[in-house]
Amino acid sequence: MITSNDYRGVNPRRMAWLENQNRALLKQNAGLKRFAVLTFIFGCLVTFIFMSVVTMEPVWIDQVATACVG
């Protein structure tokens, strides 16, 4: 955590604002990572279903992994 000794001469209100911005950005970043992971998983599931419907036969996990990762 940032202490007052790290930034001597900086307006304390400005410092508090920066700390709040930093906290908000960290939360936003965690949310974006979660969104990216869930989107990836959802995309794999949709790919799995689509491939199963198109080929009319079950699609195994190695085929799905190949489709997602390449």
Protein backbone atom coordinates (compact mmCIF):
# COMPACT_ATOMS: atom_id res chain seq x y z
CA MET A 1 0.00 0.00 0.00
CA ILE A 2 1.14 3.53 -0.70
CA THR A 3 2.27 5.41 2.40
CA SER A 4 2.42 9.17 2.83
CA ASN A 5 6.26 9.04 2.96
CA ASP A 6 6.40 7.71 -0.60
CA TYR A 7 4.88 10.88 -2.02
CA ARG A 8 5.95 13.87 0.04
CA GLY A 9 4.53 17.14 -1.22
CA VAL A 10 1.65 15.53 -3.13
CA ASN A 11 -1.84 16.80 -2.33
CA PRO A 12 -3.41 14.19 -0.01
CA ARG A 13 -6.77 14.52 -1.74
CA ARG A 14 -5.09 13.86 -5.09
CA MET A 15 -3.31 10.84 -3.58
CA ALA A 16 -6.59 9.44 -2.24
CA TRP A 17 -8.19 9.96 -5.65
CA LEU A 18 -5.34 8.10 -7.34
CA GLU A 19 -5.61 5.22 -4.88
CA ASN A 20 -9.35 4.97 -5.53
CA GLN A 21 -8.75 5.02 -9.30
CA ASN A 22 -6.17 2.27 -8.90
CA ARG A 23 -8.57 0.13 -6.87
CA ALA A 24 -11.32 0.63 -9.44
CA LEU A 25 -9.01 -0.31 -12.31
CA LEU A 26 -7.85 -3.46 -10.53
CA LYS A 27 -11.47 -4.51 -10.03
CA GLN A 28 -12.25 -3.73 -13.67
CA ASN A 29 -9.23 -5.73 -14.81
CA ALA A 30 -10.34 -8.76 -12.77
CA GLY A 31 -13.81 -8.46 -14.30
CA LEU A 32 -12.38 -8.35 -17.82
CA LYS A 33 -10.25 -11.43 -17.18
CA ARG A 34 -13.31 -13.31 -15.88
CA PHE A 35 -15.29 -12.17 -18.93
CA ALA A 36 -12.53 -13.35 -21.28
CA VAL A 37 -12.34 -16.79 -19.65
CA LEU A 38 -16.12 -17.26 -19.66
CA THR A 39 -16.34 -16.12 -23.29
CA PHE A 40 -13.62 -18.60 -24.24
CA ILE A 41 -15.41 -21.47 -22.47
CA PHE A 42 -18.76 -20.48 -23.96
CA GLY A 43 -17.17 -20.29 -27.42
CA CYS A 44 -15.77 -23.80 -26.99
CA LEU A 45 -19.20 -25.12 -25.99
CA VAL A 46 -20.87 -23.45 -28.97
CA THR A 47 -18.15 -24.88 -31.23
CA PHE A 48 -18.72 -28.33 -29.72
CA ILE A 49 -22.49 -28.15 -30.31
CA PHE A 50 -22.10 -26.70 -33.81
CA MET A 51 -19.60 -29.38 -34.84
CA SER A 52 -21.83 -32.11 -33.40
CA VAL A 53 -24.86 -30.81 -35.32
CA VAL A 54 -23.00 -30.33 -38.61
CA THR A 55 -21.24 -33.69 -38.59
CA MET A 56 -24.22 -35.55 -37.04
CA GLU A 57 -21.84 -37.57 -34.88
CA PRO A 58 -20.39 -36.99 -31.43
CA VAL A 59 -17.38 -34.71 -31.29
CA TRP A 60 -14.72 -35.64 -28.75
CA ILE A 61 -12.81 -33.29 -26.50
CA ASP A 62 -9.54 -33.42 -28.48
CA GLN A 63 -11.38 -32.16 -31.56
CA VAL A 64 -12.91 -29.33 -29.52
CA ALA A 65 -9.52 -28.42 -28.08
CA THR A 66 -8.06 -28.36 -31.60
CA ALA A 67 -10.89 -26.11 -32.78
CA CYS A 68 -10.45 -23.69 -29.86
CA VAL A 69 -6.67 -23.57 -29.55
CA GLY A 70 -5.71 -24.33 -33.11
